[in-house]
Amino acid sequence: MIDAVPLAVYTVLALCSLVLIFLTLHKKDRSRMDRDLIFVTAVILCWLVSAIAFFSTRDAALARFLFDLKLPFVALTVLAWFLYIVRFYGLTSYFPRAVTASLFIIPIFTLGIALTSPYHSFIRQEMEILGTYPRHMVRMVRGPWFWYHSVYCYILMLAAFILALTQHKQILRIYRLPSTLLLLGISLSVAANILVVRISLALDLSLVSASFSSMLLYLATKNYHGLDFCIRARQEAFHYLDRSIFILDDEEGIVSANRSARSWLEQTGITPEGGSFRSVAEKMAALSEKQESLDDLGQGNDFYFRSGRIFNLRKKPIYDRRNNPLGSFVFITDETENRKLIAYLDRHSGMDALTGLSNRRQMEEVFSQLDRDGGYPLAIIAGDLNNLKEINDTLGHQQGDILLRVTAETLRSTCPPRARIFRTGGDEFTILLPGHGTEDADLLTDAIRNALEKQRHRYPFKPSIALGVAVQENPGEEFSGTLRRADAAMYRDKERCKSQQAKRTL
């Protein structure tokens, strides 16, 4: 092929590149994508100019220099494509400035080697210009840096293609036109570079495909507004959520965090060590009055900071289509005000939110009603869960809450219909049995213990409760005095349980 053909093709493509740059520069509202498009097109234009100069020169030494000079433009074109795709799909937060800067090392180093190519053999060990205009003929043996440069370009090009393909699948169909144009452009470049390896032509297919791809890039940028809105809306929704959200990889390294999460880290003074979220959870536990188990965060754990703040940490795994773990989301919510509101409602509504039982305030109102109705004899059963604190400390408050709910449900199913059940403290329960005496109350306590005993195999803890009975025979007695007698009997039962447990341990 005589030089007139590639020279004409490159000249036309260079003029097209100039037109694209001119049209982009004269847009009224240029965006970041427009600036990236100008950078990509300008690099390709420099590559085209060096190719035109190579085919136009009659000087063998200059032709040799221009032949080497195309290498840095090839690397810069691939890099410009990659950075364009990263910004196109809104992935800049995943590529810190240090990473982006490191990608420029190979192109810059290649430029330096190309400019000094007459003095070394890094790019070509041997090179001979067999002919210049009107027909250039080159014979050469490539040097080591040529292969390093080629590996860099192919890896970056394939990374750009895979990135574009995976992101394209996640876009809603109505916004896919610009992404389709972009994917078509990068596919054209990949296909051309594969052909270059197998076919040797005077016309550089890599350069031609890059030029046509820049035209597709222009069309993609021109239709980018809808997709830009979709991507920005997704990003802003993530960053403006009130809850602190961390995205972790499969090794619990922090991949990303929204604005609330970064602000929360600053407020609490917690700094992730080595980018690991495990260190964040451990520091939360160290700042808490109540230590949490860090082995299972799936159900959510509460951290009671010494400052009075309460934070709930919940972890949700992320899986691929084949159900293989990819990573996880971690949500941290400030529950301080919510817990205060719940406590306030508990005090004023007469209902315990966790178990659904009536609370102490409601118990006093019920007793007043029973006293007026003459519900005597009145048996009072005081109950106190065994080892709730140890379960909270070793298994976490989530399991402690489950124990409280299991106990409440057992009391409901075991007690007679007229019985009134109350949660009167953290691990304390009280049962009022109007019209029942000591014998009936003792039978009920045995039934409660047996019902809890049957559930031991269902949970990682062993539910058990200490129970004490006292009976108020007539209205003349004080309710508080009867309640104290029931508490005293309950504490005697608790001591008996502890001594039996100690004997079994021995």
Protein backbone atom coordinates (compact mmCIF):
# COMPACT_ATOMS: atom_id res chain seq x y z
CA MET A 1 0.00 0.00 0.00
CA ILE A 2 1.51 3.34 -1.03
CA ASP A 3 1.69 6.09 1.58
CA ALA A 4 -1.04 8.17 -0.10
CA VAL A 5 -3.80 5.88 1.22
CA PRO A 6 -2.93 5.91 4.97
CA LEU A 7 -1.96 9.56 4.65
CA ALA A 8 -5.38 10.45 3.25
CA VAL A 9 -7.20 8.33 5.85
CA TYR A 10 -5.28 9.83 8.76
CA THR A 11 -5.78 13.36 7.42
CA VAL A 12 -9.56 12.89 7.19
CA LEU A 13 -9.67 11.40 10.68
CA ALA A 14 -7.56 14.28 12.04
CA LEU A 15 -9.98 16.80 10.53
CA CYS A 16 -12.89 14.89 12.11
CA SER A 17 -11.13 15.02 15.48
CA LEU A 18 -10.65 18.78 15.11
CA VAL A 19 -14.37 19.16 14.33
CA LEU A 20 -15.30 17.13 17.43
CA ILE A 21 -13.06 19.29 19.62
CA PHE A 22 -14.46 22.47 18.05
CA LEU A 23 -18.09 21.37 18.59
CA THR A 24 -17.41 20.38 22.19
CA LEU A 25 -15.58 23.62 22.99
CA HIS A 26 -18.49 25.68 21.65
CA LYS A 27 -21.14 23.98 23.76
CA LYS A 28 -22.96 26.41 26.05
CA ASP A 29 -22.84 24.29 29.19
CA ARG A 30 -19.77 22.08 29.17
CA SER A 31 -19.71 19.31 31.75
CA ARG A 32 -16.86 17.22 33.13
CA MET A 33 -17.68 14.58 30.55
CA ASP A 34 -17.14 17.17 27.79
CA ARG A 35 -13.72 18.02 29.21
CA ASP A 36 -12.83 14.33 29.36
CA LEU A 37 -14.01 13.93 25.75
CA ILE A 38 -11.75 16.81 24.68
CA PHE A 39 -8.80 15.12 26.43
CA VAL A 40 -9.46 11.77 24.70
CA THR A 41 -9.92 13.37 21.28
CA ALA A 42 -6.85 15.61 21.69
CA VAL A 43 -4.63 12.62 22.50
CA ILE A 44 -5.96 10.74 19.46
CA LEU A 45 -5.36 13.87 17.35
CA CYS A 46 -1.71 13.97 18.50
CA TRP A 47 -1.39 10.31 17.55
CA LEU A 48 -2.87 11.06 14.10
CA VAL A 49 -0.54 14.03 13.59
CA SER A 50 2.51 11.91 14.42
CA ALA A 51 1.30 9.27 11.93
CA ILE A 52 0.72 11.91 9.23
CA ALA A 53 4.19 13.34 9.85
CA PHE A 54 5.72 9.85 9.63
CA PHE A 55 4.15 9.14 6.24
CA SER A 56 4.98 12.62 4.94
CA THR A 57 8.68 12.78 5.77
CA ARG A 58 11.51 11.85 3.42
CA ASP A 59 14.14 11.91 6.19
CA ALA A 60 14.93 8.38 7.42
CA ALA A 61 16.20 9.56 10.83
CA LEU A 62 13.08 11.68 11.41
CA ALA A 63 10.87 8.80 10.25
CA ARG A 64 12.58 6.52 12.78
CA PHE A 65 11.95 9.07 15.57
CA LEU A 66 8.29 9.60 14.59
CA PHE A 67 7.74 5.85 14.43
CA ASP A 68 8.80 5.57 18.09
CA LEU A 69 6.85 8.67 19.12
CA LYS A 70 3.47 7.02 18.52
CA LEU A 71 3.94 4.67 21.51
CA PRO A 72 3.25 7.24 24.28
CA PHE A 73 0.15 8.44 22.39
CA VAL A 74 -1.12 4.86 22.24
CA ALA A 75 -0.72 4.49 26.02
CA LEU A 76 -2.29 7.90 26.70
CA THR A 77 -5.26 7.06 24.45
CA VAL A 78 -5.97 3.83 26.33
CA LEU A 79 -5.58 5.61 29.68
CA ALA A 80 -7.86 8.48 28.56
CA TRP A 81 -10.47 5.92 27.54
CA PHE A 82 -10.27 4.19 30.91
CA LEU A 83 -10.59 7.43 32.90
CA TYR A 84 -13.49 8.52 30.69
CA ILE A 85 -15.35 5.27 31.44
CA VAL A 86 -14.68 5.63 35.17
CA ARG A 87 -16.24 9.11 35.20
CA PHE A 88 -18.98 8.11 32.74
CA TYR A 89 -20.38 5.54 35.18
CA GLY A 90 -19.79 7.64 38.30
CA LEU A 91 -17.02 5.44 39.73
CA THR A 92 -14.46 8.13 40.57
CA SER A 93 -14.87 7.53 44.32
CA TYR A 94 -13.42 4.02 43.82
CA PHE A 95 -10.25 5.42 42.25
CA PRO A 96 -8.39 7.77 44.62
CA ARG A 97 -6.07 10.39 43.18
CA ALA A 98 -3.01 8.35 44.09
CA VAL A 99 -4.29 5.39 42.03
CA THR A 100 -5.17 7.63 39.08
CA ALA A 101 -1.76 9.32 39.22
CA SER A 102 0.00 5.94 39.25
CA LEU A 103 -1.69 5.02 35.96
CA PHE A 104 0.18 7.89 34.26
CA ILE A 105 3.61 6.46 35.15
CA ILE A 106 3.89 4.12 32.13
CA PRO A 107 2.73 6.70 29.51
CA ILE A 108 5.02 9.41 30.91
CA PHE A 109 7.97 7.03 31.10
CA THR A 110 7.23 5.84 27.56
CA LEU A 111 7.19 9.46 26.35
CA GLY A 112 10.61 10.04 27.89
CA ILE A 113 11.99 6.87 26.32
CA ALA A 114 10.48 7.77 22.91
CA LEU A 115 12.00 11.27 22.95
CA THR A 116 15.44 9.78 23.65
CA SER A 117 15.04 6.70 21.42
CA PRO A 118 18.04 7.53 19.15
CA TYR A 119 20.35 6.98 22.15
CA HIS A 120 19.15 3.58 23.43
CA SER A 121 17.46 0.32 22.42
CA PHE A 122 14.61 0.12 24.97
CA ILE A 123 11.89 0.49 22.33
CA ARG A 124 13.68 -1.20 19.42
CA GLN A 125 16.88 -3.19 19.46
CA GLU A 126 17.25 -2.90 15.70
CA MET A 127 15.41 -0.69 13.23
CA GLU A 128 15.98 0.06 9.57
CA ILE A 129 13.96 2.39 7.36
CA LEU A 130 14.00 0.58 4.02
CA GLY A 131 12.14 3.35 2.24
CA THR A 132 10.45 6.70 2.80
CA TYR A 133 7.88 8.66 0.80
CA PRO A 134 6.06 7.64 -1.40
CA ARG A 135 6.22 4.21 0.30
CA HIS A 136 7.53 3.72 3.82
CA MET A 137 9.03 0.34 4.67
CA VAL A 138 10.31 -0.53 8.13
CA ARG A 139 12.22 -3.53 9.44
CA MET A 140 12.87 -3.75 13.16
CA VAL A 141 13.42 -5.95 16.23
CA ARG A 142 11.32 -4.69 19.15
CA GLY A 143 12.99 -3.90 22.46
CA PRO A 144 11.90 -4.85 26.02
CA TRP A 145 10.04 -1.62 26.79
CA PHE A 146 7.83 -2.09 23.74
CA TRP A 147 6.47 -5.29 25.30
CA TYR A 148 6.02 -3.73 28.76
CA HIS A 149 4.11 -0.90 27.13
CA SER A 150 1.96 -3.34 25.12
CA VAL A 151 1.05 -5.37 28.22
CA TYR A 152 0.04 -2.15 30.02
CA CYS A 153 -2.17 -1.06 27.11
CA TYR A 154 -3.91 -4.41 26.68
CA ILE A 155 -4.58 -4.85 30.41
CA LEU A 156 -5.99 -1.33 30.73
CA MET A 157 -8.09 -1.75 27.59
CA LEU A 158 -9.58 -5.03 28.80
CA ALA A 159 -10.23 -3.50 32.23
CA ALA A 160 -12.07 -0.62 30.56
CA PHE A 161 -14.13 -3.04 28.46
CA ILE A 162 -15.07 -5.24 31.44
CA LEU A 163 -15.92 -2.17 33.53
CA ALA A 164 -18.16 -0.75 30.80
CA LEU A 165 -19.86 -4.10 30.22
CA THR A 166 -20.64 -4.75 33.90
CA GLN A 167 -21.90 -1.22 34.50
CA HIS A 168 -24.00 -1.25 31.32
CA LYS A 169 -26.01 -4.21 32.63
CA GLN A 170 -26.97 -2.28 35.77
CA ILE A 171 -28.45 0.71 33.94
CA LEU A 172 -32.18 1.05 33.37
CA ARG A 173 -33.17 0.41 29.76
CA ILE A 174 -34.50 3.92 29.19
CA TYR A 175 -31.03 5.36 29.97
CA ARG A 176 -28.95 2.82 28.03
CA LEU A 177 -28.44 4.68 24.72
CA PRO A 178 -25.26 6.60 25.72
CA SER A 179 -23.91 3.54 27.51
CA THR A 180 -24.57 1.42 24.40
CA LEU A 181 -22.64 3.91 22.23
CA LEU A 182 -19.75 3.89 24.70
CA LEU A 183 -19.71 0.09 24.85
CA LEU A 184 -19.76 -0.09 21.05
CA GLY A 185 -16.78 2.27 20.87
CA ILE A 186 -14.63 0.34 23.34
CA SER A 187 -15.63 -2.96 21.68
CA LEU A 188 -14.47 -1.59 18.32
CA SER A 189 -11.08 -0.66 19.79
CA VAL A 190 -10.65 -4.05 21.49
CA ALA A 191 -11.52 -5.91 18.28
CA ALA A 192 -9.12 -3.77 16.21
CA ASN A 193 -6.24 -4.34 18.63
CA ILE A 194 -6.82 -8.08 18.52
CA LEU A 195 -6.67 -7.95 14.70
CA VAL A 196 -3.43 -5.93 14.84
CA VAL A 197 -1.75 -8.85 16.58
CA ARG A 198 -2.78 -11.24 13.78
CA ILE A 199 -2.67 -8.99 10.68
CA SER A 200 0.09 -6.64 9.56
CA LEU A 201 -1.10 -3.67 7.48
CA ALA A 202 0.34 -0.31 6.52
CA LEU A 203 -2.86 1.26 7.86
CA ASP A 204 -2.81 1.22 11.68
CA LEU A 205 -6.12 -0.38 12.68
CA SER A 206 -5.64 0.67 16.31
CA LEU A 207 -5.45 4.32 15.31
CA VAL A 208 -8.39 4.11 12.91
CA SER A 209 -10.59 2.33 15.48
CA ALA A 210 -9.61 4.86 18.16
CA SER A 211 -10.66 7.70 15.86
CA PHE A 212 -14.03 6.13 15.07
CA SER A 213 -14.50 5.34 18.76
CA SER A 214 -14.00 9.01 19.62
CA MET A 215 -16.93 9.82 17.30
CA LEU A 216 -19.10 7.32 19.17
CA LEU A 217 -17.80 8.88 22.37
CA TYR A 218 -19.01 12.28 21.17
CA LEU A 219 -22.51 10.88 20.53
CA ALA A 220 -22.50 9.17 23.94
CA THR A 221 -21.53 12.42 25.65
CA LYS A 222 -24.17 14.35 23.71
CA ASN A 223 -26.90 11.99 25.00
CA TYR A 224 -25.44 11.66 28.49
CA HIS A 225 -27.84 13.95 30.41
CA GLY A 226 -30.45 11.29 31.25
CA LEU A 227 -27.86 8.74 32.31
CA ASP A 228 -25.98 11.40 34.27
CA PHE A 229 -29.17 12.17 36.20
CA CYS A 230 -29.70 8.46 36.92
CA ILE A 231 -26.12 7.94 38.17
CA ARG A 232 -26.04 11.15 40.22
CA ALA A 233 -29.42 10.39 41.77
CA ARG A 234 -28.16 6.97 42.82
CA GLN A 235 -24.98 8.46 44.30
CA GLU A 236 -26.75 11.30 46.09
CA ALA A 237 -29.37 8.93 47.50
CA PHE A 238 -26.54 6.87 48.98
CA HIS A 239 -24.69 9.86 50.41
CA TYR A 240 -27.70 11.74 51.79
CA LEU A 241 -29.26 8.87 53.72
CA ASP A 242 -29.44 9.69 57.43
CA ARG A 243 -28.05 6.32 58.43
CA SER A 244 -24.31 5.73 58.32
CA ILE A 245 -23.61 3.13 55.63
CA PHE A 246 -20.36 1.28 54.98
CA ILE A 247 -19.77 -1.02 52.00
CA LEU A 248 -17.36 -3.86 52.84
CA ASP A 249 -15.59 -6.41 50.68
CA ASP A 250 -15.52 -10.13 51.48
CA GLU A 251 -12.58 -9.59 53.87
CA GLU A 252 -14.39 -6.79 55.77
CA GLY A 253 -12.26 -4.07 54.23
CA ILE A 254 -14.08 -0.73 53.83
CA VAL A 255 -14.72 -0.15 50.12
CA SER A 256 -16.90 2.94 50.46
CA ALA A 257 -18.79 4.99 53.04
CA ASN A 258 -21.47 7.64 52.65
CA ARG A 259 -21.26 11.16 54.05
CA SER A 260 -23.15 10.23 57.22
CA ALA A 261 -20.68 7.42 57.91
CA ARG A 262 -17.65 9.69 57.44
CA SER A 263 -19.25 12.34 59.67
CA TRP A 264 -20.02 9.70 62.31
CA LEU A 265 -16.37 8.54 62.32
CA GLU A 266 -15.24 12.13 62.88
CA GLN A 267 -17.74 12.73 65.70
CA THR A 268 -16.88 9.54 67.57
CA GLY A 269 -13.13 9.84 66.95
CA ILE A 270 -12.97 6.31 65.55
CA THR A 271 -10.34 5.70 62.86
CA PRO A 272 -10.39 2.43 60.85
CA GLU A 273 -7.04 0.67 61.14
CA GLY A 274 -5.79 -0.63 57.81
CA GLY A 275 -9.16 0.12 56.21
CA SER A 276 -10.76 -2.75 58.17
CA PHE A 277 -14.26 -2.43 59.60
CA ARG A 278 -13.46 -5.02 62.28
CA SER A 279 -11.32 -2.39 64.01
CA VAL A 280 -14.29 0.03 63.95
CA ALA A 281 -16.56 -2.52 65.66
CA GLU A 282 -13.90 -3.31 68.27
CA LYS A 283 -13.42 0.39 69.07
CA MET A 284 -17.20 0.80 69.39
CA ALA A 285 -17.21 -2.03 71.93
CA ALA A 286 -14.32 -0.39 73.81
CA LEU A 287 -16.26 2.90 74.04
CA SER A 288 -19.40 1.13 75.29
CA GLU A 289 -20.57 0.49 78.82
CA LYS A 290 -22.07 -2.80 77.66
CA GLN A 291 -19.69 -4.99 75.69
CA GLU A 292 -21.17 -6.72 72.65
CA SER A 293 -20.23 -9.99 70.99
CA LEU A 294 -18.68 -9.11 67.62
CA ASP A 295 -19.06 -12.56 66.07
CA ASP A 296 -22.62 -12.17 64.77
CA LEU A 297 -23.71 -8.71 63.65
CA GLY A 298 -26.39 -9.97 61.26
CA GLN A 299 -29.28 -9.43 63.67
CA GLY A 300 -28.09 -6.03 64.86
CA ASN A 301 -26.34 -5.11 68.10
CA ASP A 302 -26.73 -2.11 70.38
CA PHE A 303 -23.68 -0.25 71.66
CA TYR A 304 -24.32 1.87 74.77
CA PHE A 305 -21.57 4.51 74.71
CA ARG A 306 -20.37 5.97 78.00
CA SER A 307 -21.32 9.39 76.61
CA GLY A 308 -24.96 8.30 76.76
CA ARG A 309 -25.41 7.69 73.04
CA ILE A 310 -26.88 4.41 71.80
CA PHE A 311 -25.87 3.09 68.35
CA ASN A 312 -27.37 0.10 66.58
CA LEU A 313 -25.07 -1.75 64.18
CA ARG A 314 -26.59 -4.08 61.60
CA LYS A 315 -24.80 -6.04 58.87
CA LYS A 316 -26.43 -7.25 55.64
CA PRO A 317 -24.48 -9.59 53.30
CA ILE A 318 -24.26 -9.04 49.53
CA TYR A 319 -24.38 -12.05 47.18
CA ASP A 320 -23.92 -12.47 43.45
CA ARG A 321 -26.40 -14.27 41.20
CA ARG A 322 -24.90 -17.64 42.16
CA ASN A 323 -25.30 -16.85 45.86
CA ASN A 324 -21.56 -16.43 46.39
CA PRO A 325 -20.66 -13.82 49.04
CA LEU A 326 -19.27 -10.59 47.60
CA GLY A 327 -19.22 -8.36 50.66
CA SER A 328 -21.73 -6.65 52.91
CA PHE A 329 -23.50 -3.45 53.87
CA VAL A 330 -23.12 -2.19 57.44
CA PHE A 331 -25.75 0.21 58.79
CA ILE A 332 -25.10 2.27 61.93
CA THR A 333 -28.08 4.11 63.37
CA ASP A 334 -28.17 6.54 66.29
CA GLU A 335 -30.95 5.07 68.44
CA THR A 336 -30.58 7.44 71.40
CA GLU A 337 -33.69 9.53 70.78
CA ASN A 338 -35.73 6.51 69.68
CA ARG A 339 -34.93 4.65 72.89
CA LYS A 340 -35.84 7.69 74.98
CA LEU A 341 -39.15 7.92 73.15
CA ILE A 342 -39.83 4.20 73.64
CA ALA A 343 -39.05 4.48 77.35
CA TYR A 344 -41.34 7.50 77.63
CA LEU A 345 -44.16 5.67 75.86
CA ASP A 346 -43.61 2.61 78.06
CA ARG A 347 -43.94 4.73 81.17
CA HIS A 348 -47.08 6.48 79.97
CA SER A 349 -48.81 3.76 77.98
CA GLY A 350 -48.53 0.94 80.52
CA MET A 351 -47.09 -1.43 77.90
CA ASP A 352 -43.59 -2.90 77.62
CA ALA A 353 -42.50 -2.58 73.96
CA LEU A 354 -40.14 -5.58 73.94
CA THR A 355 -42.38 -8.28 75.42
CA GLY A 356 -45.85 -6.83 74.87
CA LEU A 357 -46.62 -7.27 78.59
CA SER A 358 -48.02 -4.59 80.86
CA ASN A 359 -45.48 -2.64 82.91
CA ARG A 360 -45.20 -1.69 86.61
CA ARG A 361 -47.37 1.41 86.23
CA GLN A 362 -50.16 -0.70 84.75
CA MET A 363 -49.73 -3.27 87.55
CA GLU A 364 -50.54 -0.65 90.18
CA GLU A 365 -53.70 0.34 88.30
CA VAL A 366 -54.76 -3.32 87.94
CA PHE A 367 -54.25 -3.94 91.67
CA SER A 368 -56.39 -0.91 92.50
CA GLN A 369 -59.14 -2.32 90.29
CA LEU A 370 -58.85 -5.80 91.88
CA ASP A 371 -58.95 -4.22 95.33
CA ARG A 372 -62.19 -2.45 94.45
CA ASP A 373 -63.68 -5.62 92.92
CA GLY A 374 -62.69 -7.77 95.91
CA GLY A 375 -60.46 -10.23 94.07
CA TYR A 376 -59.21 -11.98 97.23
CA PRO A 377 -57.32 -14.08 98.04
CA LEU A 378 -54.74 -12.57 95.67
CA ALA A 379 -51.65 -14.65 94.93
CA ILE A 380 -48.59 -12.69 93.79
CA ILE A 381 -45.74 -14.45 91.99
CA ALA A 382 -42.48 -12.52 91.66
CA GLY A 383 -40.07 -13.77 88.99
CA ASP A 384 -36.48 -12.93 88.10
CA LEU A 385 -34.64 -14.41 85.11
CA ASN A 386 -31.46 -16.33 85.89
CA ASN A 387 -28.19 -15.33 84.17
CA LEU A 388 -29.65 -12.60 81.92
CA LYS A 389 -26.60 -10.38 82.44
CA GLU A 390 -24.21 -13.23 81.59
CA ILE A 391 -26.19 -13.99 78.41
CA ASN A 392 -26.05 -10.31 77.40
CA ASP A 393 -22.30 -10.18 78.01
CA THR A 394 -21.39 -13.44 76.28
CA LEU A 395 -24.02 -13.85 73.55
CA GLY A 396 -25.05 -10.23 73.03
CA HIS A 397 -28.14 -8.18 73.87
CA GLN A 398 -29.93 -9.63 70.85
CA GLN A 399 -30.01 -13.05 72.54
CA GLY A 400 -30.95 -11.41 75.84
CA ASP A 401 -33.96 -9.80 74.16
CA ILE A 402 -34.94 -13.18 72.71
CA LEU A 403 -34.80 -14.69 76.22
CA LEU A 404 -37.13 -11.96 77.53
CA ARG A 405 -39.62 -12.53 74.71
CA VAL A 406 -39.49 -16.32 75.13
CA THR A 407 -40.15 -15.96 78.86
CA ALA A 408 -43.06 -13.59 78.27
CA GLU A 409 -44.64 -15.97 75.75
CA THR A 410 -44.16 -18.92 78.13
CA LEU A 411 -45.89 -17.02 80.94
CA ARG A 412 -48.82 -16.16 78.65
CA SER A 413 -49.29 -19.76 77.52
CA THR A 414 -48.91 -21.24 81.03
CA CYS A 415 -50.90 -18.87 83.25
CA PRO A 416 -54.70 -19.20 83.61
CA PRO A 417 -56.97 -16.74 81.75
CA ARG A 418 -57.64 -14.53 84.80
CA ALA A 419 -53.95 -14.10 85.58
CA ARG A 420 -52.37 -10.70 84.88
CA ILE A 421 -48.72 -10.73 83.82
CA PHE A 422 -46.36 -7.76 84.06
CA ARG A 423 -42.75 -6.98 83.23
CA THR A 424 -41.75 -4.83 86.17
CA GLY A 425 -38.01 -4.43 85.52
CA GLY A 426 -35.11 -5.41 83.27
CA ASP A 427 -35.27 -9.11 84.15
CA GLU A 428 -38.22 -9.02 86.57
CA PHE A 429 -41.77 -10.29 86.04
CA THR A 430 -44.81 -10.22 88.32
CA ILE A 431 -47.99 -12.32 88.07
CA LEU A 432 -51.25 -11.46 89.85
CA LEU A 433 -53.64 -14.38 90.43
CA PRO A 434 -56.99 -13.07 91.75
CA GLY A 435 -59.05 -15.70 93.59
CA HIS A 436 -56.13 -18.11 94.03
CA GLY A 437 -54.19 -19.13 97.12
CA THR A 438 -50.73 -20.49 97.88
CA GLU A 439 -51.39 -24.01 96.59
CA ASP A 440 -52.56 -22.82 93.16
CA ALA A 441 -49.64 -20.40 92.91
CA ASP A 442 -47.11 -23.13 93.76
CA LEU A 443 -48.57 -25.40 91.07
CA LEU A 444 -48.31 -22.56 88.56
CA THR A 445 -44.65 -21.88 89.42
CA ASP A 446 -43.82 -25.56 88.82
CA ALA A 447 -45.64 -25.43 85.46
CA ILE A 448 -43.68 -22.31 84.44
CA ARG A 449 -40.33 -23.90 85.33
CA ASN A 450 -41.20 -27.07 83.39
CA ALA A 451 -42.34 -25.08 80.34
CA LEU A 452 -39.05 -23.16 80.25
CA GLU A 453 -37.06 -26.35 80.81
CA LYS A 454 -38.59 -27.89 77.66
CA GLN A 455 -37.26 -25.02 75.53
CA ARG A 456 -33.60 -25.33 76.51
CA HIS A 457 -32.64 -27.24 73.34
CA ARG A 458 -34.05 -24.54 71.04
CA TYR A 459 -31.70 -21.69 71.97
CA PRO A 460 -27.98 -21.13 72.65
CA PHE A 461 -28.94 -20.24 76.24
CA LYS A 462 -30.84 -22.14 78.95
CA PRO A 463 -33.99 -20.22 79.95
CA SER A 464 -34.74 -20.43 83.66
CA ILE A 465 -36.43 -18.20 86.20
CA ALA A 466 -36.45 -17.84 89.99
CA LEU A 467 -40.00 -17.57 91.39
CA GLY A 468 -41.41 -16.57 94.76
CA VAL A 469 -45.01 -16.65 96.03
CA ALA A 470 -46.90 -14.51 98.54
CA VAL A 471 -50.67 -14.31 99.12
CA GLN A 472 -52.74 -11.31 100.22
CA GLU A 473 -55.81 -12.65 101.98
CA ASN A 474 -57.84 -9.46 102.61
CA PRO A 475 -57.98 -5.78 101.66
CA GLY A 476 -56.50 -4.69 104.96
CA GLU A 477 -52.99 -5.71 103.95
CA GLU A 478 -50.73 -3.40 101.97
CA PHE A 479 -49.99 -4.47 98.42
CA SER A 480 -46.39 -3.27 98.68
CA GLY A 481 -45.81 -5.46 101.74
CA THR A 482 -47.16 -8.55 99.98
CA LEU A 483 -44.99 -7.75 96.96
CA ARG A 484 -41.90 -7.53 99.20
CA ARG A 485 -42.68 -10.96 100.67
CA ALA A 486 -42.97 -12.40 97.14
CA ASP A 487 -39.63 -10.80 96.23
CA ALA A 488 -37.99 -12.27 99.33
CA ALA A 489 -39.29 -15.74 98.43
CA MET A 490 -38.04 -15.26 94.88
CA TYR A 491 -34.52 -14.35 96.07
CA ARG A 492 -34.45 -17.46 98.27
CA ASP A 493 -35.34 -19.51 95.20
CA LYS A 494 -32.58 -17.78 93.21
CA GLU A 495 -30.00 -18.63 95.88
CA ARG A 496 -31.22 -22.23 95.83
CA CYS A 497 -30.76 -22.34 92.02
CA LYS A 498 -27.23 -20.94 92.32
CA SER A 499 -26.22 -23.49 94.95
CA GLN A 500 -27.60 -26.36 92.85
CA GLN A 501 -25.72 -25.07 89.82
CA ALA A 502 -22.50 -24.84 91.84
CA LYS A 503 -22.91 -28.46 93.02
CA ARG A 504 -23.42 -29.64 89.42
CA THR A 505 -20.27 -27.77 88.38
CA LEU A 506 -18.26 -29.51 91.11
